[in-house]
Amino acid sequence: MRMSLMASTLWRSRFRTLYIPNALVLFSSSAATVTPPNKNDSLSNAPSPPPIRVALTESAGRGVFATRRIGAGDTIHTAKPIVSYPSLSAINTVCYFCLKKMRTVTGSQPQGVCFCCENCRESSKVFYDVEKKADWLSFDEYCRTQGLKFPLLVKRLACMVISGAAPAGILDILQPASLTREMILKTEEGFHLLRNALVKSNIGDEHTSFLTKQWYTDVLARIHINAFRIELAAGAYEDLLSLASASIEAEAAVGNAIYMLPSFYNHDYPNTHIVWIENADAKLKALSDIDEGEELRICYIDVSMSYDARQSLLSQGFGFKCNCLRCLSGD
């Protein structure tokens, strides 16, 4: 299996490892708010890291904490997705790589996908050179009729692993959902459709040996509680509180994505919000002043929902009961 060496190298260079107490965290190199300096830059002009650290909380596992005061409205950091995939309803209207909305659909591939620029077309080779070898009609129809989004992320990640652009265990550090036996049984059809599509494309066993039912289930369990729904802000984010209450309807989303650092943010009444301006590159913004040492929190759901609706969605979707001050008051 061959792919563009340049595309593969660029993708791999987006990640680096960083050790912190009690955890090993894989960060995207885009976590900082500025780009790395070139060799001609002086040390005094070198970018500072984002003002946060990942550490253990008292009761919610890992969390993200401020290393200095952060002002309301400040950009805390940015993040590029590890893996993303457009909504099937939007697949013909957004870039197949970055999920940017297309003004006009030009240069479509035979499968109907399109790219917003040549850079995205080249970057997509880390999965698309593998993906276009297979017939995905049955798999995509399965996802469409069942209303499933997360298997599409598994599909893209599998193609990235086959191409050599990502290790099979790239999501292992993320917290998985606790899947019941019934939920696991429901994943079997998707697994077999995915594997059959790749096997029938004559991709060698040496490239697909990782693709077991256990791998598929483990990845799906992590995607289940770490995926972000991408809702573009149409180029502006002045009203952060309004954005925090954006619709959670699937039709409002252009796709879904997995990020590394944003996945460590815990749920609570938010002091931070994640926004998408033009594409799947995320910006994390402070909704209010955040003190040094304070944990940064995001809301996993629509804050305008009723108490019962919020608790039901968090319990069924994420496996916990929210005990923030608002929920404790019954509001």
Protein backbone atom coordinates (compact mmCIF):
# COMPACT_ATOMS: atom_id res chain seq x y z
CA MET A 1 0.00 0.00 0.00
CA ARG A 2 1.52 3.33 -1.06
CA MET A 3 0.58 6.88 -0.29
CA SER A 4 2.02 10.35 -0.73
CA LEU A 5 5.10 10.52 1.51
CA MET A 6 4.65 14.23 1.96
CA ALA A 7 1.00 13.87 3.02
CA SER A 8 1.92 11.12 5.48
CA THR A 9 4.80 13.13 6.94
CA LEU A 10 2.66 16.24 7.37
CA TRP A 11 -0.05 14.22 9.14
CA ARG A 12 2.40 12.48 11.48
CA SER A 13 4.07 15.78 12.36
CA ARG A 14 0.81 17.09 13.80
CA PHE A 15 1.28 14.94 16.88
CA ARG A 16 3.85 14.85 19.65
CA THR A 17 3.92 13.26 23.09
CA LEU A 18 4.09 15.16 26.33
CA TYR A 19 4.49 13.66 29.78
CA ILE A 20 2.52 15.03 32.71
CA PRO A 21 2.17 13.66 36.25
CA ASN A 22 0.02 10.51 36.36
CA ALA A 23 -0.69 10.53 32.64
CA LEU A 24 0.79 10.43 29.17
CA VAL A 25 -1.00 12.82 26.89
CA LEU A 26 -0.74 13.04 23.11
CA PHE A 27 -1.19 16.62 22.02
CA SER A 28 -1.82 18.05 18.61
CA SER A 29 0.86 20.54 17.62
CA SER A 30 -1.99 22.95 16.92
CA ALA A 31 -2.81 23.23 20.61
CA ALA A 32 -0.93 26.51 20.86
CA THR A 33 -2.64 29.64 19.63
CA VAL A 34 0.27 30.56 17.37
CA THR A 35 2.37 28.60 14.90
CA PRO A 36 5.85 27.32 15.77
CA PRO A 37 8.73 29.70 14.97
CA ASN A 38 11.03 29.10 12.06
CA LYS A 39 14.78 28.73 12.44
CA ASN A 40 15.32 32.47 11.94
CA ASP A 41 13.10 33.44 14.87
CA SER A 42 14.80 34.47 18.10
CA LEU A 43 14.01 32.69 21.35
CA SER A 44 12.29 35.83 22.62
CA ASN A 45 9.80 35.56 19.75
CA ALA A 46 9.06 31.89 20.35
CA PRO A 47 5.36 31.19 20.97
CA SER A 48 4.24 30.44 24.49
CA PRO A 49 2.28 27.23 25.15
CA PRO A 50 -1.45 27.44 25.83
CA PRO A 51 -2.22 28.54 29.42
CA ILE A 52 -3.48 25.15 30.52
CA ARG A 53 -2.35 21.83 31.94
CA VAL A 54 -3.96 18.40 32.14
CA ALA A 55 -4.13 16.90 35.63
CA LEU A 56 -6.23 14.55 37.73
CA THR A 57 -9.38 15.93 39.34
CA GLU A 58 -10.79 14.78 42.66
CA SER A 59 -13.75 12.93 41.21
CA ALA A 60 -13.91 13.14 37.40
CA GLY A 61 -10.63 11.65 36.20
CA ARG A 62 -8.48 13.94 34.13
CA GLY A 63 -9.34 17.57 33.61
CA VAL A 64 -7.91 20.76 32.14
CA PHE A 65 -6.74 23.56 34.46
CA ALA A 66 -5.64 27.15 33.86
CA THR A 67 -1.94 27.90 34.48
CA ARG A 68 -2.64 31.65 34.60
CA ARG A 69 -5.60 33.98 34.59
CA ILE A 70 -7.61 33.84 31.35
CA GLY A 71 -9.89 36.71 30.41
CA ALA A 72 -13.45 36.34 29.17
CA GLY A 73 -13.47 36.08 25.39
CA ASP A 74 -9.84 35.01 25.14
CA THR A 75 -8.86 32.19 22.81
CA ILE A 76 -7.40 29.51 25.10
CA HIS A 77 -6.08 27.26 22.37
CA THR A 78 -6.95 25.77 19.01
CA ALA A 79 -7.15 22.13 18.00
CA LYS A 80 -7.13 20.16 14.78
CA PRO A 81 -9.13 16.93 14.68
CA ILE A 82 -7.45 13.55 14.90
CA VAL A 83 -10.23 12.24 12.69
CA SER A 84 -13.37 13.82 11.27
CA TYR A 85 -16.16 12.88 8.89
CA PRO A 86 -18.97 14.89 7.29
CA SER A 87 -22.62 14.20 8.02
CA LEU A 88 -24.09 12.05 5.27
CA SER A 89 -26.73 14.73 4.72
CA ALA A 90 -23.98 17.31 4.15
CA ILE A 91 -21.43 15.17 2.32
CA ASN A 92 -22.04 16.89 -1.03
CA THR A 93 -21.95 20.41 0.38
CA VAL A 94 -18.84 20.44 2.62
CA CYS A 95 -15.16 19.74 2.08
CA TYR A 96 -14.52 16.02 2.54
CA PHE A 97 -11.38 16.79 4.55
CA CYS A 98 -11.87 19.97 6.63
CA LEU A 99 -15.71 20.13 6.56
CA LYS A 100 -15.73 23.70 5.32
CA LYS A 101 -19.01 24.58 3.61
CA MET A 102 -18.64 24.78 -0.14
CA ARG A 103 -20.00 27.84 -1.91
CA THR A 104 -20.12 25.94 -5.18
CA VAL A 105 -19.52 22.23 -5.61
CA THR A 106 -16.75 21.81 -8.16
CA GLY A 107 -14.12 19.20 -8.76
CA SER A 108 -16.14 16.40 -7.22
CA GLN A 109 -14.70 12.92 -7.16
CA PRO A 110 -16.60 9.98 -8.74
CA GLN A 111 -18.05 9.14 -5.30
CA GLY A 112 -19.55 12.64 -5.09
CA VAL A 113 -17.17 14.10 -2.50
CA CYS A 114 -15.41 17.42 -2.99
CA PHE A 115 -12.56 19.45 -1.52
CA CYS A 116 -12.40 23.17 -0.81
CA CYS A 117 -8.77 23.58 -1.93
CA GLU A 118 -5.78 21.70 -3.27
CA ASN A 119 -4.23 21.55 0.20
CA CYS A 120 -7.23 19.62 1.54
CA ARG A 121 -7.16 17.33 -1.47
CA GLU A 122 -3.50 16.52 -0.80
CA SER A 123 -4.04 16.17 2.95
CA SER A 124 -6.91 13.75 2.38
CA LYS A 125 -4.53 11.21 0.84
CA VAL A 126 -3.83 9.90 4.35
CA PHE A 127 -7.23 8.17 4.15
CA TYR A 128 -8.75 8.78 0.72
CA ASP A 129 -6.22 6.78 -1.30
CA VAL A 130 -7.34 3.75 0.72
CA GLU A 131 -11.01 4.67 0.97
CA LYS A 132 -11.63 5.06 -2.75
CA LYS A 133 -10.42 1.52 -3.43
CA ALA A 134 -13.44 0.07 -1.60
CA ASP A 135 -17.17 -0.05 -2.32
CA TRP A 136 -18.86 1.68 0.64
CA LEU A 137 -22.43 1.55 -0.64
CA SER A 138 -23.63 -1.05 1.90
CA PHE A 139 -21.74 0.46 4.83
CA ASP A 140 -22.93 4.02 4.14
CA GLU A 141 -26.51 2.83 3.60
CA TYR A 142 -26.35 0.97 6.93
CA CYS A 143 -25.26 4.19 8.67
CA ARG A 144 -27.90 6.24 6.86
CA THR A 145 -30.85 3.96 7.56
CA GLN A 146 -29.83 3.40 11.19
CA GLY A 147 -29.12 7.10 11.76
CA LEU A 148 -25.53 6.35 12.82
CA LYS A 149 -22.65 8.83 12.72
CA PHE A 150 -19.86 7.28 14.77
CA PRO A 151 -19.17 4.24 12.54
CA LEU A 152 -18.25 6.72 9.80
CA LEU A 153 -15.45 8.03 12.03
CA VAL A 154 -14.27 4.44 12.57
CA LYS A 155 -14.27 3.94 8.80
CA ARG A 156 -12.04 6.96 8.26
CA LEU A 157 -9.72 6.03 11.11
CA ALA A 158 -9.36 2.50 9.74
CA CYS A 159 -8.31 3.92 6.37
CA MET A 160 -5.76 6.16 8.12
CA VAL A 161 -4.30 3.19 9.98
CA ILE A 162 -4.08 1.14 6.77
CA SER A 163 -2.27 3.99 5.01
CA GLY A 164 0.22 4.24 7.88
CA ALA A 165 -0.84 7.78 8.81
CA ALA A 166 -2.05 6.83 12.31
CA PRO A 167 -1.35 4.01 14.78
CA ALA A 168 -4.22 1.63 15.49
CA GLY A 169 -4.21 2.68 19.16
CA ILE A 170 -4.21 6.44 18.63
CA LEU A 171 -7.46 6.85 20.64
CA ASP A 172 -6.51 4.47 23.45
CA ILE A 173 -5.74 7.31 25.89
CA LEU A 174 -9.32 8.59 25.67
CA GLN A 175 -11.97 7.45 28.13
CA PRO A 176 -14.30 4.81 26.60
CA ALA A 177 -18.03 4.54 27.13
CA SER A 178 -19.30 1.54 29.07
CA LEU A 179 -21.10 -0.45 26.40
CA THR A 180 -23.71 -2.99 27.43
CA ARG A 181 -23.76 -6.44 25.83
CA GLU A 182 -26.82 -5.37 23.84
CA MET A 183 -24.99 -2.29 22.54
CA ILE A 184 -21.97 -4.41 21.56
CA LEU A 185 -24.18 -6.85 19.65
CA LYS A 186 -25.64 -3.95 17.70
CA THR A 187 -22.15 -3.00 16.47
CA GLU A 188 -21.54 -6.36 14.79
CA GLU A 189 -23.27 -5.51 11.52
CA GLY A 190 -21.26 -2.32 11.13
CA PHE A 191 -18.01 -4.14 11.85
CA HIS A 192 -18.67 -6.85 9.27
CA LEU A 193 -19.71 -4.31 6.62
CA LEU A 194 -16.58 -2.27 7.25
CA ARG A 195 -14.23 -5.23 7.18
CA ASN A 196 -15.86 -6.80 4.13
CA ALA A 197 -15.59 -3.54 2.18
CA LEU A 198 -11.86 -3.37 2.86
CA VAL A 199 -11.17 -7.08 2.32
CA LYS A 200 -13.01 -7.08 -1.03
CA SER A 201 -10.88 -4.12 -2.16
CA ASN A 202 -7.87 -6.48 -2.17
CA ILE A 203 -6.03 -4.68 0.60
CA GLY A 204 -3.54 -7.19 1.97
CA ASP A 205 -4.04 -8.93 5.31
CA GLU A 206 -0.84 -7.35 6.61
CA HIS A 207 -2.57 -3.97 6.41
CA THR A 208 -5.89 -5.02 7.98
CA SER A 209 -4.75 -7.38 10.74
CA PHE A 210 -5.57 -4.71 13.35
CA LEU A 211 -9.20 -4.57 12.19
CA THR A 212 -10.75 -7.02 14.64
CA LYS A 213 -14.15 -6.89 16.26
CA GLN A 214 -12.44 -5.90 19.53
CA TRP A 215 -10.64 -2.98 17.87
CA TYR A 216 -13.84 -1.80 16.21
CA THR A 217 -15.78 -1.97 19.49
CA ASP A 218 -13.03 -0.27 21.51
CA VAL A 219 -12.72 2.60 19.03
CA LEU A 220 -16.48 3.02 18.83
CA ALA A 221 -16.69 3.12 22.65
CA ARG A 222 -14.18 5.99 22.75
CA ILE A 223 -15.79 7.87 19.90
CA HIS A 224 -19.19 7.50 21.59
CA ILE A 225 -18.33 9.89 24.44
CA ASN A 226 -15.51 11.94 22.88
CA ALA A 227 -16.96 12.95 19.50
CA PHE A 228 -17.79 16.60 18.91
CA ARG A 229 -20.60 17.63 16.60
CA ILE A 230 -19.29 20.31 14.23
CA GLU A 231 -21.62 23.30 13.94
CA LEU A 232 -20.03 26.13 12.00
CA ALA A 233 -20.46 29.66 13.34
CA ALA A 234 -20.70 31.29 9.90
CA GLY A 235 -17.51 33.27 10.37
CA ALA A 236 -18.29 35.06 13.63
CA TYR A 237 -18.30 34.26 17.32
CA GLU A 238 -18.92 37.55 19.09
CA ASP A 239 -21.93 36.21 21.00
CA LEU A 240 -20.35 33.28 22.82
CA LEU A 241 -23.35 32.66 25.06
CA SER A 242 -25.58 32.38 22.03
CA LEU A 243 -23.17 29.90 20.46
CA ALA A 244 -23.12 27.89 23.68
CA SER A 245 -26.85 27.37 23.26
CA ALA A 246 -26.64 26.28 19.62
CA SER A 247 -29.06 23.65 18.36
CA ILE A 248 -28.05 20.05 18.95
CA GLU A 249 -30.17 18.71 16.10
CA ALA A 250 -28.13 16.37 13.88
CA GLU A 251 -29.28 18.24 10.77
CA ALA A 252 -27.59 21.41 12.08
CA ALA A 253 -24.19 19.74 12.04
CA VAL A 254 -21.81 19.48 9.09
CA GLY A 255 -20.04 16.49 10.63
CA ASN A 256 -18.34 14.99 13.66
CA ALA A 257 -14.74 14.94 14.87
CA ILE A 258 -12.45 13.61 17.57
CA TYR A 259 -9.85 15.88 19.21
CA MET A 260 -7.21 15.02 21.74
CA LEU A 261 -6.89 17.94 24.16
CA PRO A 262 -10.55 19.09 24.03
CA SER A 263 -11.55 15.54 25.00
CA PHE A 264 -9.97 16.06 28.43
CA TYR A 265 -12.39 18.89 29.27
CA ASN A 266 -15.00 17.78 31.81
CA HIS A 267 -18.69 18.65 31.70
CA ASP A 268 -20.11 21.24 34.05
CA TYR A 269 -21.87 24.57 33.79
CA PRO A 270 -19.38 26.02 31.29
CA ASN A 271 -16.70 28.67 31.64
CA THR A 272 -15.32 27.63 28.25
CA HIS A 273 -16.89 27.03 24.87
CA ILE A 274 -15.63 25.28 21.75
CA VAL A 275 -16.47 26.96 18.44
CA TRP A 276 -15.89 26.22 14.78
CA ILE A 277 -15.62 29.19 12.44
CA GLU A 278 -15.04 27.89 8.92
CA ASN A 279 -14.05 24.25 9.24
CA ALA A 280 -13.31 21.43 11.70
CA ASP A 281 -10.38 23.30 13.27
CA ALA A 282 -11.67 24.12 16.76
CA LYS A 283 -11.18 27.22 18.90
CA LEU A 284 -11.69 27.04 22.64
CA LYS A 285 -12.82 30.37 24.04
CA ALA A 286 -13.30 31.56 27.61
CA LEU A 287 -16.94 32.41 28.37
CA SER A 288 -15.99 34.14 31.61
CA ASP A 289 -12.88 35.16 33.54
CA ILE A 290 -10.96 32.05 34.63
CA ASP A 291 -8.55 32.16 37.57
CA GLU A 292 -5.19 30.43 37.72
CA GLY A 293 -5.69 26.85 38.93
CA GLU A 294 -9.40 26.82 38.02
CA GLU A 295 -10.67 23.85 36.03
CA LEU A 296 -11.86 24.66 32.52
CA ARG A 297 -15.26 23.16 31.75
CA ILE A 298 -17.47 22.82 28.72
CA CYS A 299 -21.11 21.82 28.42
CA TYR A 300 -21.61 18.56 26.55
CA ILE A 301 -25.21 19.38 25.67
CA ASP A 302 -27.56 22.28 24.90
CA VAL A 303 -27.69 24.46 28.02
CA SER A 304 -31.21 25.66 27.15
CA MET A 305 -32.69 22.19 27.67
CA SER A 306 -34.86 21.43 30.70
CA TYR A 307 -33.38 19.75 33.79
CA ASP A 308 -34.99 16.38 33.02
CA ALA A 309 -33.90 16.48 29.38
CA ARG A 310 -30.31 17.40 30.32
CA GLN A 311 -30.02 14.65 32.92
CA SER A 312 -31.54 12.04 30.61
CA LEU A 313 -29.20 12.90 27.74
CA LEU A 314 -26.10 12.95 29.95
CA SER A 315 -27.03 9.67 31.62
CA GLN A 316 -27.83 7.83 28.39
CA GLY A 317 -25.12 9.40 26.24
CA PHE A 318 -22.25 9.86 28.67
CA GLY A 319 -23.03 7.64 31.64
CA PHE A 320 -23.11 10.15 34.48
CA LYS A 321 -25.44 12.44 36.42
CA CYS A 322 -24.64 16.13 36.35
CA ASN A 323 -24.21 17.74 39.78
CA CYS A 324 -23.41 21.28 38.73
CA LEU A 325 -24.93 24.10 40.79
CA ARG A 326 -27.68 24.66 38.24
CA CYS A 327 -28.70 21.00 38.18
CA LEU A 328 -28.51 20.70 41.98
CA SER A 329 -30.98 23.58 42.19
CA GLY A 330 -33.37 21.68 39.90
CA ASP A 331 -33.37 24.46 37.31
